[in-house]
Protein backbone atom coordinates (compact mmCIF):
# COMPACT_ATOMS: atom_id res chain seq x y z
CA MET A 1 -198.35 121.06 66.74
CA THR A 2 -196.17 123.39 65.43
CA VAL A 3 -194.73 125.58 68.34
CA THR A 4 -192.65 128.61 68.29
CA GLY A 5 -190.35 129.59 71.74
CA GLU A 6 -191.80 128.95 75.32
CA GLU A 7 -194.52 127.19 74.61
CA ALA A 8 -192.69 124.58 73.38
CA ASP A 9 -190.81 124.19 76.90
CA VAL A 10 -195.25 123.38 77.82
CA GLY A 11 -196.64 120.23 78.35
CA THR A 12 -193.69 118.17 76.76
CA ASP A 13 -192.87 114.95 77.84
CA PRO A 14 -188.78 115.35 78.04
CA LEU A 15 -188.26 112.12 75.70
CA GLU A 16 -190.22 113.74 72.88
CA PRO A 17 -189.24 116.71 72.68
CA PRO A 18 -192.41 118.17 70.17
CA LEU A 19 -191.37 119.01 65.76
CA THR A 20 -190.93 122.83 65.57
CA ALA A 21 -191.02 125.37 63.48
CA PRO A 22 -190.27 129.31 63.34
CA LEU A 23 -193.57 130.14 61.53
CA ARG A 24 -194.00 133.66 60.42
CA ARG A 25 -196.03 134.78 57.82
CA ASP A 26 -193.74 134.10 54.89
CA LEU A 27 -193.43 130.45 56.51
CA THR A 28 -196.44 129.02 56.86
CA TRP A 29 -197.42 125.31 58.00
CA ALA A 30 -198.30 124.50 54.50
CA ARG A 31 -195.15 126.45 53.51
CA VAL A 32 -193.08 124.28 55.96
CA GLN A 33 -195.15 120.90 54.60
CA GLU A 34 -194.77 122.08 50.79
CA MET A 35 -191.04 121.86 51.85
CA SER A 36 -190.48 118.69 53.06
CA GLN A 37 -192.44 116.45 50.35
CA SER A 38 -189.93 117.93 47.47
CA VAL A 39 -186.45 116.57 47.30
CA GLY A 40 -184.81 119.53 45.84
CA HIS A 41 -185.02 120.75 49.31
CA HIS A 42 -183.08 117.92 51.20
CA ASN A 43 -179.87 120.12 51.55
CA ASP A 44 -181.94 123.32 52.90
CA SER A 45 -180.52 123.82 55.95
CA LEU A 46 -184.06 125.68 57.29
CA LEU A 47 -186.55 122.68 57.02
CA GLN A 48 -183.02 120.63 58.14
CA ARG A 49 -182.86 122.98 61.28
CA ILE A 50 -186.88 122.53 61.66
CA ARG A 51 -186.20 118.19 61.84
CA ALA A 52 -183.42 118.38 64.58
CA THR A 53 -186.62 119.82 66.73
CA ALA A 54 -187.63 115.72 66.39
CA ALA A 55 -184.43 114.23 68.47
CA VAL A 56 -184.54 110.89 69.90
CA ARG A 57 -183.79 110.29 73.49
CA ARG A 58 -182.76 107.73 75.34
CA GLY A 59 -186.41 106.23 76.03
CA THR A 60 -187.60 107.98 73.36
CA ARG A 61 -190.38 105.57 71.92
CA MET A 62 -189.98 104.34 68.82
CA ILE A 63 -192.46 102.82 66.54
CA LYS A 64 -192.34 100.53 63.67
CA VAL A 65 -195.99 99.40 61.14
CA LEU A 66 -195.68 96.46 60.18
CA SER A 67 -197.71 93.62 58.18
CA ALA A 68 -199.40 90.48 59.63
CA ALA A 69 -195.99 88.68 58.02
CA GLN A 70 -193.56 91.67 59.55
CA PHE A 71 -195.35 91.22 63.20
CA ALA A 72 -194.96 87.04 62.56
CA GLY A 73 -191.54 87.64 62.11
CA HIS A 74 -190.60 89.60 65.17
CA LEU A 75 -192.30 87.28 67.06
CA ALA A 76 -190.11 84.20 65.99
CA GLY A 77 -186.80 86.68 67.01
CA TRP A 78 -186.20 90.13 63.82
CA LEU A 79 -184.70 92.43 65.84
CA PRO A 80 -185.86 96.56 64.84
CA TYR A 81 -184.54 97.83 61.89
CA GLY A 82 -184.88 99.57 59.17
CA PHE A 83 -187.37 102.66 59.22
CA CYS A 84 -189.03 103.57 62.58
CA PHE A 85 -190.56 106.64 63.75
CA ARG A 86 -191.41 108.71 67.02
CA ALA A 87 -194.23 106.94 68.77
CA CYS A 88 -195.11 110.73 69.43
CA ASP A 89 -195.49 111.64 65.65
CA ILE A 90 -198.04 109.03 64.74
CA ALA A 91 -200.09 109.10 67.67
CA HIS A 92 -203.16 110.77 66.31
CA LEU A 93 -202.64 107.99 62.94
CA ARG A 94 -204.78 104.98 64.75
CA MET A 95 -207.39 103.39 61.53
CA PRO A 96 -205.45 100.53 59.47
CA ASP A 97 -205.59 102.94 55.98
CA GLU A 98 -203.93 105.64 58.33
CA LEU A 99 -201.32 103.55 59.03
CA ALA A 100 -200.89 102.25 55.55
CA LEU A 101 -199.38 105.00 53.73
CA LEU A 102 -195.89 104.37 57.19
CA ARG A 103 -195.95 100.80 56.54
CA ALA A 104 -192.07 99.62 54.52
CA ASP A 105 -193.03 96.44 52.93
CA GLY A 106 -195.78 98.13 50.72
CA THR A 107 -198.52 95.89 51.04
CA PRO A 108 -201.53 96.72 51.36
CA ASP A 109 -204.43 97.99 53.90
CA ASP A 110 -206.34 94.45 54.85
CA GLY A 111 -208.06 96.11 57.77
CA VAL A 112 -205.67 95.24 60.37
CA ALA A 113 -202.50 97.53 61.21
CA TYR A 114 -199.54 95.81 63.23
CA ALA A 115 -196.58 97.91 65.29
CA LEU A 116 -193.32 97.02 67.11
CA ARG A 117 -193.44 100.08 69.57
CA TRP A 118 -189.69 100.34 71.69
CA ARG A 119 -187.69 102.35 73.82
CA ALA A 120 -184.55 104.21 72.70
CA THR A 121 -181.61 102.49 74.08
CA ASP A 122 -179.22 105.38 72.38
CA PRO A 123 -179.57 108.34 70.89
CA GLN A 124 -176.89 107.45 68.46
CA ASP A 125 -178.65 104.09 66.92
CA PHE A 126 -180.56 105.84 64.66
CA GLU A 127 -180.50 108.19 61.56
CA ILE A 128 -182.21 111.16 59.71
CA PRO A 129 -182.12 110.01 55.87
CA MET A 130 -181.13 113.54 54.89
CA GLY A 131 -179.53 115.43 52.85
CA GLY A 132 -175.83 113.28 53.35
CA VAL A 133 -177.10 110.97 55.18
CA GLN A 134 -178.53 107.66 53.03
CA ALA A 135 -178.24 110.24 50.16
CA GLY A 136 -178.31 107.08 47.59
CA LEU A 137 -181.88 106.16 48.53
CA PRO A 138 -183.68 109.10 47.12
CA ALA A 139 -182.00 108.24 43.43
CA VAL A 140 -182.65 104.86 43.75
CA PRO A 141 -185.45 103.70 40.27
CA ALA A 142 -188.74 102.38 41.09
CA HIS A 143 -188.52 99.05 40.30
CA SER A 144 -185.67 99.58 42.54
CA ARG A 145 -188.10 99.43 45.91
CA ILE A 146 -190.59 99.00 47.64
CA GLY A 147 -193.02 101.05 49.20
CA PRO A 148 -192.78 104.65 49.23
CA MET A 149 -190.07 106.86 48.20
CA VAL A 150 -187.78 108.09 50.13
CA LEU A 151 -188.02 111.67 49.93
CA GLY A 152 -184.71 112.43 52.03
CA THR A 153 -186.15 115.10 53.35
CA GLY A 154 -186.02 113.34 56.96
CA PHE A 155 -190.49 113.51 56.73
CA VAL A 156 -192.96 110.34 55.09
CA PRO A 157 -194.27 111.84 51.45
CA SER A 158 -197.88 112.30 52.55
CA THR A 159 -200.12 115.33 51.65
CA ASP A 160 -202.00 115.99 54.62
CA ASP A 161 -198.83 114.64 57.17
CA LEU A 162 -195.56 116.06 58.48
CA ILE A 163 -194.11 113.63 60.45
CA PRO A 164 -190.75 113.07 60.66
CA GLU A 165 -189.07 109.47 59.48
CA PHE A 166 -185.96 107.95 61.05
CA VAL A 167 -183.47 104.95 60.41
CA THR A 168 -181.39 102.53 62.35
CA ALA A 169 -177.90 104.00 62.22
CA GLY A 170 -176.59 102.11 58.84
CA PHE A 171 -180.15 99.64 58.42
CA ALA A 172 -178.70 97.57 61.58
CA ASP A 173 -180.48 95.50 63.81
CA LEU A 174 -180.88 96.50 67.31
CA PRO A 175 -180.97 94.40 70.34
CA MET A 176 -184.44 94.31 71.09
CA PRO A 177 -185.03 96.10 74.88
CA ALA A 178 -186.96 94.65 77.42
CA ASN A 179 -190.91 95.83 77.91
CA ALA A 180 -190.72 95.90 73.70
CA GLN A 181 -194.82 96.06 72.29
CA LEU A 182 -196.71 94.13 69.67
CA LEU A 183 -199.72 96.59 68.52
CA ALA A 184 -202.57 96.10 66.88
CA TYR A 185 -204.13 98.31 65.57
CA PRO A 186 -207.98 97.15 64.76
CA GLY A 187 -209.99 99.73 62.50
CA THR A 188 -212.42 100.88 65.49
CA GLY A 189 -209.81 103.77 67.20
CA ASP A 190 -207.93 101.41 70.28
CA GLU A 191 -204.55 100.67 70.78
CA VAL A 192 -204.48 97.59 71.32
CA VAL A 193 -200.99 95.31 73.12
CA LEU A 194 -201.23 92.34 71.71
CA TYR A 195 -197.85 91.52 73.99
CA THR A 196 -194.74 92.61 75.71
CA TYR A 197 -191.08 91.58 74.89
CA GLN A 198 -189.48 88.99 78.40
CA PRO A 199 -185.35 89.31 77.70
CA GLU A 200 -184.61 86.96 80.63
CA GLN A 201 -186.47 84.44 78.91
CA HIS A 202 -186.35 85.61 75.32
CA GLY A 203 -189.51 84.97 74.74
CA TRP A 204 -193.48 86.83 74.08
CA LEU A 205 -196.04 86.92 76.63
CA ARG A 206 -199.52 87.68 75.30
CA LEU A 207 -201.72 90.48 77.02
CA ALA A 208 -204.10 90.27 74.19
CA GLY A 209 -207.46 88.85 76.25
CA PRO A 210 -210.33 87.35 74.19
CA ARG A 211 -212.00 89.70 73.15
CA TRP A 212 -208.55 90.55 70.99
CA ARG A 213 -207.87 86.89 70.04
CA HIS A 214 -209.33 87.46 66.95
CA LEU A 215 -206.63 90.23 66.42
CA LEU A 216 -204.43 87.54 65.98
CA GLU A 217 -205.68 84.66 63.59
CA GLY A 218 -204.83 86.17 60.53
CA ILE A 219 -200.67 85.90 61.83
CA PRO A 220 -199.01 83.09 60.10
CA GLY A 221 -197.76 80.59 62.22
CA VAL A 222 -199.15 81.72 65.74
CA SER A 223 -201.34 80.25 67.34
CA PRO A 224 -203.68 82.92 69.26
CA ASP A 225 -203.99 80.87 72.63
CA ARG A 226 -201.33 80.20 73.03
CA GLU A 227 -199.50 82.51 76.04
CA TYR A 228 -195.82 82.49 75.77
CA VAL A 229 -194.61 82.51 72.83
CA PRO A 230 -190.25 82.09 72.56
CA CYS A 231 -187.62 83.75 70.22
CA THR A 232 -185.16 82.55 67.78
CA ASP A 233 -181.60 83.54 67.55
CA ALA A 234 -183.25 85.80 64.23
CA GLY A 235 -181.10 89.08 64.96
CA SER A 236 -178.08 89.77 64.32
CA ALA A 237 -176.58 92.76 67.10
CA ARG A 238 -176.36 91.43 70.91
CA LEU A 239 -175.47 93.68 73.77
CA VAL A 240 -172.91 93.41 76.25
CA GLY A 241 -171.69 94.80 79.25
CA ARG A 242 -168.93 94.51 81.84
CA ILE A 243 -168.70 94.30 85.52
CA ASN A 244 -165.34 95.68 86.05
CA GLU A 245 -162.90 93.04 83.69
CA GLN A 246 -165.78 91.05 83.65
CA GLU A 247 -168.30 90.71 80.50
CA TYR A 248 -171.63 89.97 80.30
CA GLN A 249 -174.92 89.95 78.42
CA ALA A 250 -176.77 92.63 78.28
CA VAL A 251 -180.09 93.85 78.14
CA ALA A 252 -181.66 97.28 77.82
CA ASP A 253 -184.28 98.70 79.72
CA PRO A 254 -184.13 102.29 78.88
CA PRO A 255 -183.97 105.84 79.25
CA GLU A 256 -182.06 104.44 82.91
CA GLU A 257 -181.79 100.74 83.45
CA PHE A 258 -179.14 97.73 81.94
CA ARG A 259 -178.15 95.21 83.56
CA ILE A 260 -176.64 91.49 83.24
CA LYS A 261 -179.21 89.21 81.60
CA ALA A 262 -180.07 86.72 84.48
CA LEU A 263 -183.27 85.01 85.20
CA THR A 264 -182.89 85.33 88.91
CA ARG A 265 -183.33 89.43 89.42
CA ALA A 266 -180.74 89.49 92.47
CA ALA A 267 -178.72 88.68 89.13
CA ARG A 268 -179.59 91.35 87.56
CA TYR A 269 -176.67 93.59 88.58
CA PRO A 270 -176.40 97.36 87.26
CA VAL A 271 -173.42 97.59 84.20
CA GLN A 272 -170.77 99.42 84.38
CA SER A 273 -170.67 99.92 80.49
CA LEU A 274 -172.91 98.10 77.22
CA ALA A 275 -171.87 97.55 73.87
CA ARG A 276 -174.17 96.33 70.76
CA ARG A 277 -171.80 93.91 68.74
CA ALA A 278 -173.02 93.02 64.65
CA GLU A 279 -170.87 91.18 62.10
CA GLN A 280 -169.61 93.34 59.57
CA ALA A 281 -167.25 93.20 56.09
CA LEU A 282 -167.05 93.73 52.65
CA TRP A 283 -168.55 91.95 49.39
CA ARG A 284 -166.97 93.66 46.30
CA GLY A 285 -166.77 96.77 48.03
CA VAL A 286 -169.51 97.25 49.71
CA PRO A 287 -170.26 98.15 53.38
CA VAL A 288 -172.26 95.46 54.79
CA TRP A 289 -173.92 93.60 57.42
CA VAL A 290 -173.37 90.15 58.12
CA LEU A 291 -176.70 88.68 58.80
CA GLN A 292 -176.22 84.53 58.82
CA ARG A 293 -173.26 82.79 58.00
CA ASP A 294 -172.90 78.82 58.16
CA ASP A 295 -168.97 77.29 56.52
CA SER A 296 -170.03 78.28 53.44
CA TRP A 297 -173.33 81.24 52.92
CA ALA A 298 -173.65 84.33 54.49
CA ARG A 299 -176.45 86.35 54.01
CA LEU A 300 -175.50 90.08 54.08
CA ARG A 301 -177.26 93.40 54.77
CA LEU A 302 -175.85 96.19 52.92
CA ILE A 303 -175.12 99.66 55.24
CA ARG A 304 -175.62 101.83 52.07
CA PRO A 305 -177.56 101.51 49.78
CA ASP A 306 -177.22 103.05 46.64
CA ALA A 307 -178.55 102.53 42.61
CA ASP A 308 -174.59 101.14 41.95
CA ALA A 309 -173.55 99.55 45.91
CA ILE A 310 -177.39 97.25 44.66
CA SER A 311 -176.12 97.44 41.30
CA THR A 312 -172.47 95.53 42.42
CA VAL A 313 -173.87 92.45 45.13
CA GLY A 314 -177.21 91.99 42.74
CA ALA A 315 -179.30 92.52 46.24
CA ARG A 316 -182.89 92.17 46.93
CA CYS A 317 -185.57 94.63 48.19
CA TYR A 318 -187.21 93.41 50.68
CA GLU A 319 -189.28 96.41 53.05
CA ARG A 320 -188.17 99.71 52.18
CA GLY A 321 -184.82 100.84 52.35
CA VAL A 322 -183.42 97.01 53.56
CA TYR A 323 -181.46 95.94 50.80
CA GLU A 324 -179.82 92.62 51.00
CA ALA A 325 -178.34 89.16 49.28
CA TRP A 326 -176.52 86.67 50.09
CA ALA A 327 -172.90 85.40 49.35
CA PRO A 328 -170.23 83.41 49.87
CA VAL A 329 -168.40 83.64 52.60
CA ARG A 330 -164.46 83.27 51.20
CA GLU A 331 -165.46 86.10 49.05
CA LEU A 332 -166.04 88.97 52.35
CA ALA A 333 -163.55 91.75 52.69
CA ASP A 334 -162.24 92.90 55.62
CA HIS A 335 -164.98 90.31 58.26
CA HIS A 336 -164.89 91.39 61.51
CA ILE A 337 -167.07 92.37 64.68
CA SER A 338 -168.02 95.75 64.27
CA GLU A 339 -169.07 97.39 68.78
CA LEU A 340 -170.47 100.49 69.01
CA PRO A 341 -169.77 101.65 72.87
CA TYR A 342 -173.21 103.61 74.68
CA VAL A 343 -172.63 106.10 77.51
CA LEU A 344 -173.76 105.02 80.36
């Protein structure tokens, strides 16, 4: 829904401000939709102002539509990364064929749609792929990409909907916050919560009852009867918090709780400061995240993918906008731990 003026403040969640546009006789909804679908409008100041109204705030519910294989990956320990959306912007889409357009790995609709939903730890974890942000993606040739084209207008390619899209900043992994959910949309109009994330136990607790257990049967490597699934450390980012001068592994439970990661409730003290850490490096002059490494090889993800960077490192596209490559560790330059502080 598009509203303007005082109407925008009525009945809205402050954590999920609505997308608004100053509609008038010469700027209709159809015209805004048309502008959002044109690469030529990626630097349009009016469209940028409209797009900026769909803001992410601390605690905003974010969602990423998944295939069955991606669902299994997150159940095994993958972290949130890549293209995603505010949950409020796609709440009207409940059918698998409607959600298929938002699936990042380009797989076709298979009768059930899955999703990961979590609350944003901080707005700086997300970028709008518009204008100069991730500006190289719209020019990536079709044979080097997966999923829908990135228009660079900040909106999903669509003939009907006006859906603002986001990307995790620099395509980084984000630490999984407490109470994240793995969902299913079985084609009945229902939204089914299959698992919820328990950070202190570092695993997923199954919530799906007997009625929905069949939705897990098509997910590779997943037993529908298993009530708890522990995670491996498949992600590259972690949260650290400090109390006085002491550093601890931390847990985010947005919008208000940021605490020490501890099994006993009595030890879950709130932290005084919080930061996200991950490994960064340069390979052949291209900035990358270091996702995994051993003594010899490292798995890398491009931070600012464009046609030149992809060609330089021979990166492969694994899903929309996500380009990764393997490199000898000895060839990495400026290899360091990057720390992004949050303001609590």
